[in-house]
Every structure is written in structure tokens, then in C-alpha cells.
Amino acid sequence: MGSIGKVIISLGITLVIIGMIITYGSKLGLGRLPGDIFIKKGNVTFYFPILTCVIISIILTLIGNLFFRR
């Protein structure tokens, strides 16, 4: 039962961090980085945040390694 508790705590902390990134990410510059694709033509807007996704992935990988290190 102890390992299930650790997993639930880790998931909770990860969700809180993801929520903070989503809420405060724009203030930190995430979402409008140079590697993000943003195309606007007439009434059509296409936005694909490639670099933002890479940065969030690196952050979550580091956090995951801290919690699941063996």
C-alpha cells in the first residue's frame, strides 16, 4: 500500500505543477517562443507550440526523475 500512496502523491504534485505552468506560463514567456509555429491568414489561425512542448516535456521529465529515482 505504501507504493500506491507514493504514486498518488507524485501524480498530485505533477498535476499541481502542470496547472501552474498552464496558469502562469504566459507570464513566463511560454506559448510565444521563437520555435512555436504561428500562422494567421485571414480568418484562419494555426498555432502549434513546438518549443513550448519541448520545454514542458523537459521540466516534467526532470520532476519525474526526482520522484521515481531508484
PDB file of N, CA and C in Angstrom:
ATOM      1  N   MET A   1       0.818  -1.204   0.000  1.00  0.00           N
ATOM      2  CA  MET A   1       0.000   0.000   0.000  1.00  0.00           C
ATOM      3  C   MET A   1       0.857   1.262   0.000  1.00  0.00           C
ATOM      4  N   GLY A   2       2.083   1.167   0.500  1.00  0.00           N
ATOM      5  CA  GLY A   2       2.945   2.338   0.550  1.00  0.00           C
ATOM      6  C   GLY A   2       3.320   2.842  -0.826  1.00  0.00           C
ATOM      7  N   SER A   3       3.512   1.926  -1.794  1.00  0.00           N
ATOM      8  CA  SER A   3       3.897   2.352  -3.134  1.00  0.00           C
ATOM      9  C   SER A   3       2.737   3.037  -3.856  1.00  0.00           C
ATOM     10  N   ILE A   4       1.502   2.601  -3.577  1.00  0.00           N
ATOM     11  CA  ILE A   4       0.339   3.246  -4.188  1.00  0.00           C
ATOM     12  C   ILE A   4       0.210   4.681  -3.673  1.00  0.00           C
ATOM     13  N   GLY A   5       0.473   4.872  -2.396  1.00  0.00           N
ATOM     14  CA  GLY A   5       0.422   6.213  -1.819  1.00  0.00           C
ATOM     15  C   GLY A   5       1.439   7.144  -2.455  1.00  0.00           C
ATOM     16  N   LYS A   6       2.649   6.631  -2.710  1.00  0.00           N
ATOM     17  CA  LYS A   6       3.690   7.452  -3.344  1.00  0.00           C
ATOM     18  C   LYS A   6       3.296   7.836  -4.765  1.00  0.00           C
ATOM     19  N   VAL A   7       2.692   6.899  -5.469  1.00  0.00           N
ATOM     20  CA  VAL A   7       2.266   7.189  -6.837  1.00  0.00           C
ATOM     21  C   VAL A   7       1.176   8.253  -6.838  1.00  0.00           C
ATOM     22  N   ILE A   8       0.217   8.149  -5.938  1.00  0.00           N
ATOM     23  CA  ILE A   8      -0.868   9.135  -5.867  1.00  0.00           C
ATOM     24  C   ILE A   8      -0.329  10.513  -5.494  1.00  0.00           C
ATOM     25  N   ILE A   9       0.598  10.563  -4.559  1.00  0.00           N
ATOM     26  CA  ILE A   9       1.201  11.845  -4.180  1.00  0.00           C
ATOM     27  C   ILE A   9       1.973  12.435  -5.356  1.00  0.00           C
ATOM     28  N   SER A  10       2.735  11.593  -6.058  1.00  0.00           N
ATOM     29  CA  SER A  10       3.506  12.069  -7.207  1.00  0.00           C
ATOM     30  C   SER A  10       2.596  12.594  -8.299  1.00  0.00           C
ATOM     31  N   LEU A  11       1.505  11.889  -8.581  1.00  0.00           N
ATOM     32  CA  LEU A  11       0.560  12.361  -9.586  1.00  0.00           C
ATOM     33  C   LEU A  11      -0.086  13.679  -9.172  1.00  0.00           C
ATOM     34  N   GLY A  12      -0.398  13.808  -7.900  1.00  0.00           N
ATOM     35  CA  GLY A  12      -0.989  15.049  -7.405  1.00  0.00           C
ATOM     36  C   GLY A  12      -0.051  16.230  -7.556  1.00  0.00           C
ATOM     37  N   ILE A  13       1.195  16.019  -7.190  1.00  0.00           N
ATOM     38  CA  ILE A  13       2.193  17.096  -7.321  1.00  0.00           C
ATOM     39  C   ILE A  13       2.406  17.447  -8.781  1.00  0.00           C
ATOM     40  N   THR A  14       2.454  16.429  -9.637  1.00  0.00           N
ATOM     41  CA  THR A  14       2.624  16.671 -11.066  1.00  0.00           C
ATOM     42  C   THR A  14       1.450  17.457 -11.633  1.00  0.00           C
ATOM     43  N   LEU A  15       0.237  17.123 -11.232  1.00  0.00           N
ATOM     44  CA  LEU A  15      -0.933  17.865 -11.703  1.00  0.00           C
ATOM     45  C   LEU A  15      -0.916  19.314 -11.223  1.00  0.00           C
ATOM     46  N   VAL A  16      -0.468  19.535 -10.007  1.00  0.00           N
ATOM     47  CA  VAL A  16      -0.370  20.909  -9.496  1.00  0.00           C
ATOM     48  C   VAL A  16       0.647  21.701 -10.318  1.00  0.00           C
ATOM     49  N   ILE A  17       1.786  21.079 -10.622  1.00  0.00           N
ATOM     50  CA  ILE A  17       2.810  21.766 -11.405  1.00  0.00           C
ATOM     51  C   ILE A  17       2.322  22.044 -12.821  1.00  0.00           C
ATOM     52  N   ILE A  18       1.632  21.079 -13.434  1.00  0.00           N
ATOM     53  CA  ILE A  18       1.074  21.304 -14.769  1.00  0.00           C
ATOM     54  C   ILE A  18       0.055  22.444 -14.726  1.00  0.00           C
ATOM     55  N   GLY A  19      -0.765  22.470 -13.700  1.00  0.00           N
ATOM     56  CA  GLY A  19      -1.731  23.557 -13.547  1.00  0.00           C
ATOM     57  C   GLY A  19      -1.065  24.917 -13.411  1.00  0.00           C
ATOM     58  N   MET A  20       0.033  24.961 -12.672  1.00  0.00           N
ATOM     59  CA  MET A  20       0.773  26.217 -12.517  1.00  0.00           C
ATOM     60  C   MET A  20       1.403  26.637 -13.839  1.00  0.00           C
ATOM     61  N   ILE A  21       1.920  25.683 -14.597  1.00  0.00           N
ATOM     62  CA  ILE A  21       2.518  26.006 -15.898  1.00  0.00           C
ATOM     63  C   ILE A  21       1.454  26.560 -16.836  1.00  0.00           C
ATOM     64  N   ILE A  22       0.287  25.945 -16.837  1.00  0.00           N
ATOM     65  CA  ILE A  22      -0.785  26.419 -17.709  1.00  0.00           C
ATOM     66  C   ILE A  22      -1.263  27.800 -17.285  1.00  0.00           C
ATOM     67  N   THR A  23      -1.397  28.017 -15.972  1.00  0.00           N
ATOM     68  CA  THR A  23      -1.906  29.286 -15.467  1.00  0.00           C
ATOM     69  C   THR A  23      -0.900  30.423 -15.627  1.00  0.00           C
ATOM     70  N   TYR A  24       0.345  30.175 -15.265  1.00  0.00           N
ATOM     71  CA  TYR A  24       1.350  31.238 -15.245  1.00  0.00           C
ATOM     72  C   TYR A  24       2.354  31.146 -16.391  1.00  0.00           C
ATOM     73  N   GLY A  25       2.158  30.216 -17.303  1.00  0.00           N
ATOM     74  CA  GLY A  25       3.100  30.022 -18.404  1.00  0.00           C
ATOM     75  C   GLY A  25       3.223  31.219 -19.315  1.00  0.00           C
ATOM     76  N   SER A  26       2.128  31.868 -19.595  1.00  0.00           N
ATOM     77  CA  SER A  26       2.186  33.026 -20.492  1.00  0.00           C
ATOM     78  C   SER A  26       2.983  34.173 -19.880  1.00  0.00           C
ATOM     79  N   LYS A  27       2.943  34.293 -18.574  1.00  0.00           N
ATOM     80  CA  LYS A  27       3.722  35.341 -17.904  1.00  0.00           C
ATOM     81  C   LYS A  27       5.213  35.025 -17.942  1.00  0.00           C
ATOM     82  N   LEU A  28       5.546  33.728 -18.051  1.00  0.00           N
ATOM     83  CA  LEU A  28       6.944  33.307 -18.123  1.00  0.00           C
ATOM     84  C   LEU A  28       7.469  33.272 -19.556  1.00  0.00           C
ATOM     85  N   GLY A  29       6.615  33.540 -20.520  1.00  0.00           N
ATOM     86  CA  GLY A  29       7.026  33.551 -21.916  1.00  0.00           C
ATOM     87  C   GLY A  29       6.678  32.288 -22.665  1.00  0.00           C
ATOM     88  N   LEU A  30       6.103  31.309 -22.008  1.00  0.00           N
ATOM     89  CA  LEU A  30       5.727  30.085 -22.700  1.00  0.00           C
ATOM     90  C   LEU A  30       4.520  30.358 -23.580  1.00  0.00           C
ATOM     91  N   GLY A  31       4.520  29.792 -24.755  1.00  0.00           N
ATOM     92  CA  GLY A  31       3.413  29.975 -25.672  1.00  0.00           C
ATOM     93  C   GLY A  31       3.724  30.915 -26.813  1.00  0.00           C
ATOM     94  N   ARG A  32       4.714  31.718 -26.673  1.00  0.00           N
ATOM     95  CA  ARG A  32       5.121  32.635 -27.753  1.00  0.00           C
ATOM     96  C   ARG A  32       6.639  32.602 -27.923  1.00  0.00           C
ATOM     97  N   LEU A  33       7.216  31.422 -27.883  1.00  0.00           N
ATOM     98  CA  LEU A  33       8.657  31.271 -28.033  1.00  0.00           C
ATOM     99  C   LEU A  33       9.021  31.248 -29.514  1.00  0.00           C
ATOM    100  N   PRO A  34      10.291  31.522 -29.852  1.00  0.00           N
ATOM    101  CA  PRO A  34      10.695  31.583 -31.262  1.00  0.00           C
ATOM    102  C   PRO A  34      10.469  30.286 -32.039  1.00  0.00           C
ATOM    103  N   GLY A  35      10.493  29.118 -31.392  1.00  0.00           N
ATOM    104  CA  GLY A  35      10.304  27.855 -32.086  1.00  0.00           C
ATOM    105  C   GLY A  35       8.854  27.460 -32.276  1.00  0.00           C
ATOM    106  N   ASP A  36       7.921  28.250 -31.770  1.00  0.00           N
ATOM    107  CA  ASP A  36       6.497  27.955 -31.911  1.00  0.00           C
ATOM    108  C   ASP A  36       6.016  28.421 -33.283  1.00  0.00           C
ATOM    109  N   ILE A  37       5.152  27.631 -33.892  1.00  0.00           N
ATOM    110  CA  ILE A  37       4.634  27.956 -35.211  1.00  0.00           C
ATOM    111  C   ILE A  37       3.312  28.699 -35.041  1.00  0.00           C
ATOM    112  N   PHE A  38       3.232  29.882 -35.631  1.00  0.00           N
ATOM    113  CA  PHE A  38       2.026  30.705 -35.564  1.00  0.00           C
ATOM    114  C   PHE A  38       1.771  31.280 -36.953  1.00  0.00           C
ATOM    115  N   ILE A  39       0.683  30.866 -37.567  1.00  0.00           N
ATOM    116  CA  ILE A  39       0.326  31.334 -38.901  1.00  0.00           C
ATOM    117  C   ILE A  39      -1.082  31.906 -38.850  1.00  0.00           C
ATOM    118  N   LYS A  40      -1.229  33.132 -39.342  1.00  0.00           N
ATOM    119  CA  LYS A  40      -2.546  33.768 -39.381  1.00  0.00           C
ATOM    120  C   LYS A  40      -2.777  34.306 -40.785  1.00  0.00           C
ATOM    121  N   LYS A  41      -3.798  33.755 -41.429  1.00  0.00           N
ATOM    122  CA  LYS A  41      -4.157  34.206 -42.775  1.00  0.00           C
ATOM    123  C   LYS A  41      -5.660  34.414 -42.819  1.00  0.00           C
ATOM    124  N   GLY A  42      -6.043  35.640 -42.927  1.00  0.00           N
ATOM    125  CA  GLY A  42      -7.467  35.971 -42.981  1.00  0.00           C
ATOM    126  C   GLY A  42      -8.168  35.591 -41.688  1.00  0.00           C
ATOM    127  N   ASN A  43      -9.189  34.732 -41.789  1.00  0.00           N
ATOM    128  CA  ASN A  43      -9.944  34.305 -40.619  1.00  0.00           C
ATOM    129  C   ASN A  43      -9.412  33.023 -40.008  1.00  0.00           C
ATOM    130  N   VAL A  44      -8.333  32.481 -40.551  1.00  0.00           N
ATOM    131  CA  VAL A  44      -7.787  31.202 -40.096  1.00  0.00           C
ATOM    132  C   VAL A  44      -6.497  31.448 -39.323  1.00  0.00           C
ATOM    133  N   THR A  45      -6.426  30.853 -38.135  1.00  0.00           N
ATOM    134  CA  THR A  45      -5.215  30.943 -37.318  1.00  0.00           C
ATOM    135  C   THR A  45      -4.763  29.535 -36.973  1.00  0.00           C
ATOM    136  N   PHE A  46      -3.482  29.260 -37.215  1.00  0.00           N
ATOM    137  CA  PHE A  46      -2.898  27.972 -36.881  1.00  0.00           C
ATOM    138  C   PHE A  46      -1.763  28.215 -35.899  1.00  0.00           C
ATOM    139  N   TYR A  47      -1.795  27.520 -34.767  1.00  0.00           N
ATOM    140  CA  TYR A  47      -0.781  27.694 -33.735  1.00  0.00           C
ATOM    141  C   TYR A  47      -0.347  26.326 -33.244  1.00  0.00           C
ATOM    142  N   PHE A  48       0.947  26.046 -33.328  1.00  0.00           N
ATOM    143  CA  PHE A  48       1.487  24.781 -32.835  1.00  0.00           C
ATOM    144  C   PHE A  48       2.724  25.086 -31.993  1.00  0.00           C
ATOM    145  N   PRO A  49       2.643  24.933 -30.672  1.00  0.00           N
ATOM    146  CA  PRO A  49       3.736  25.322 -29.773  1.00  0.00           C
ATOM    147  C   PRO A  49       4.811  24.238 -29.640  1.00  0.00           C
ATOM    148  N   ILE A  50       5.655  24.083 -30.657  1.00  0.00           N
ATOM    149  CA  ILE A  50       6.673  23.027 -30.645  1.00  0.00           C
ATOM    150  C   ILE A  50       7.669  23.245 -29.504  1.00  0.00           C
ATOM    151  N   LEU A  51       8.292  24.399 -29.444  1.00  0.00           N
ATOM    152  CA  LEU A  51       9.313  24.646 -28.425  1.00  0.00           C
ATOM    153  C   LEU A  51       8.717  24.670 -27.020  1.00  0.00           C
ATOM    154  N   THR A  52       7.523  25.181 -26.885  1.00  0.00           N
ATOM    155  CA  THR A  52       6.857  25.172 -25.581  1.00  0.00           C
ATOM    156  C   THR A  52       6.638  23.739 -25.103  1.00  0.00           C
ATOM    157  N   CYS A  53       6.213  22.860 -26.009  1.00  0.00           N
ATOM    158  CA  CYS A  53       6.018  21.450 -25.650  1.00  0.00           C
ATOM    159  C   CYS A  53       7.323  20.790 -25.242  1.00  0.00           C
ATOM    160  N   VAL A  54       8.410  21.116 -25.932  1.00  0.00           N
ATOM    161  CA  VAL A  54       9.710  20.539 -25.596  1.00  0.00           C
ATOM    162  C   VAL A  54      10.147  20.987 -24.205  1.00  0.00           C
ATOM    163  N   ILE A  55       9.983  22.259 -23.892  1.00  0.00           N
ATOM    164  CA  ILE A  55      10.383  22.780 -22.585  1.00  0.00           C
ATOM    165  C   ILE A  55       9.542  22.158 -21.473  1.00  0.00           C
ATOM    166  N   ILE A  56       8.240  22.054 -21.674  1.00  0.00           N
ATOM    167  CA  ILE A  56       7.377  21.428 -20.666  1.00  0.00           C
ATOM    168  C   ILE A  56       7.739  19.960 -20.495  1.00  0.00           C
ATOM    169  N   SER A  57       8.073  19.282 -21.586  1.00  0.00           N
ATOM    170  CA  SER A  57       8.478  17.883 -21.513  1.00  0.00           C
ATOM    171  C   SER A  57       9.771  17.716 -20.711  1.00  0.00           C
ATOM    172  N   ILE A  58      10.718  18.591 -20.914  1.00  0.00           N
ATOM    173  CA  ILE A  58      11.980  18.530 -20.159  1.00  0.00           C
ATOM    174  C   ILE A  58      11.723  18.760 -18.681  1.00  0.00           C
ATOM    175  N   ILE A  59      10.898  19.743 -18.359  1.00  0.00           N
ATOM    176  CA  ILE A  59      10.593  20.040 -16.952  1.00  0.00           C
ATOM    177  C   ILE A  59       9.909  18.852 -16.291  1.00  0.00           C
ATOM    178  N   LEU A  60       8.918  18.262 -16.971  1.00  0.00           N
ATOM    179  CA  LEU A  60       8.211  17.125 -16.394  1.00  0.00           C
ATOM    180  C   LEU A  60       9.105  15.894 -16.279  1.00  0.00           C
ATOM    181  N   THR A  61      10.040  15.722 -17.217  1.00  0.00           N
ATOM    182  CA  THR A  61      10.995  14.614 -17.133  1.00  0.00           C
ATOM    183  C   THR A  61      11.897  14.780 -15.912  1.00  0.00           C
ATOM    184  N   LEU A  62      12.369  15.983 -15.685  1.00  0.00           N
ATOM    185  CA  LEU A  62      13.213  16.233 -14.514  1.00  0.00           C
ATOM    186  C   LEU A  62      12.445  15.991 -13.221  1.00  0.00           C
ATOM    187  N   ILE A  63      11.220  16.450 -13.172  1.00  0.00           N
ATOM    188  CA  ILE A  63      10.396  16.236 -11.972  1.00  0.00           C
ATOM    189  C   ILE A  63      10.132  14.751 -11.778  1.00  0.00           C
ATOM    190  N   GLY A  64       9.803  14.051 -12.851  1.00  0.00           N
ATOM    191  CA  GLY A  64       9.564  12.610 -12.759  1.00  0.00           C
ATOM    192  C   GLY A  64      10.791  11.853 -12.294  1.00  0.00           C
ATOM    193  N   ASN A  65      11.962  12.258 -12.767  1.00  0.00           N
ATOM    194  CA  ASN A  65      13.197  11.601 -12.333  1.00  0.00           C
ATOM    195  C   ASN A  65      13.485  11.852 -10.858  1.00  0.00           C
ATOM    196  N   LEU A  66      13.084  12.987 -10.353  1.00  0.00           N
ATOM    197  CA  LEU A  66      13.292  13.264  -8.930  1.00  0.00           C
ATOM    198  C   LEU A  66      12.435  12.364  -8.058  1.00  0.00           C
ATOM    199  N   PHE A  67      11.203  12.083  -8.508  1.00  0.00           N
ATOM    200  CA  PHE A  67      10.287  11.289  -7.702  1.00  0.00           C
ATOM    201  C   PHE A  67      10.461   9.794  -7.900  1.00  0.00           C
ATOM    202  N   PHE A  68      10.839   9.371  -9.090  1.00  0.00           N
ATOM    203  CA  PHE A  68      10.900   7.944  -9.377  1.00  0.00           C
ATOM    204  C   PHE A  68      12.318   7.414  -9.487  1.00  0.00           C
ATOM    205  N   ARG A  69      13.268   8.141  -8.952  1.00  0.00           N
ATOM    206  CA  ARG A  69      14.667   7.700  -8.986  1.00  0.00           C
ATOM    207  C   ARG A  69      14.819   6.473  -8.101  1.00  0.00           C
ATOM    208  N   ARG A  70      15.539   5.497  -8.586  1.00  0.00           N
ATOM    209  CA  ARG A  70      15.712   4.261  -7.823  1.00  0.00           C
ATOM    210  C   ARG A  70      17.091   4.151  -7.263  1.00  0.00           C
TER     211      ARG A  70
END
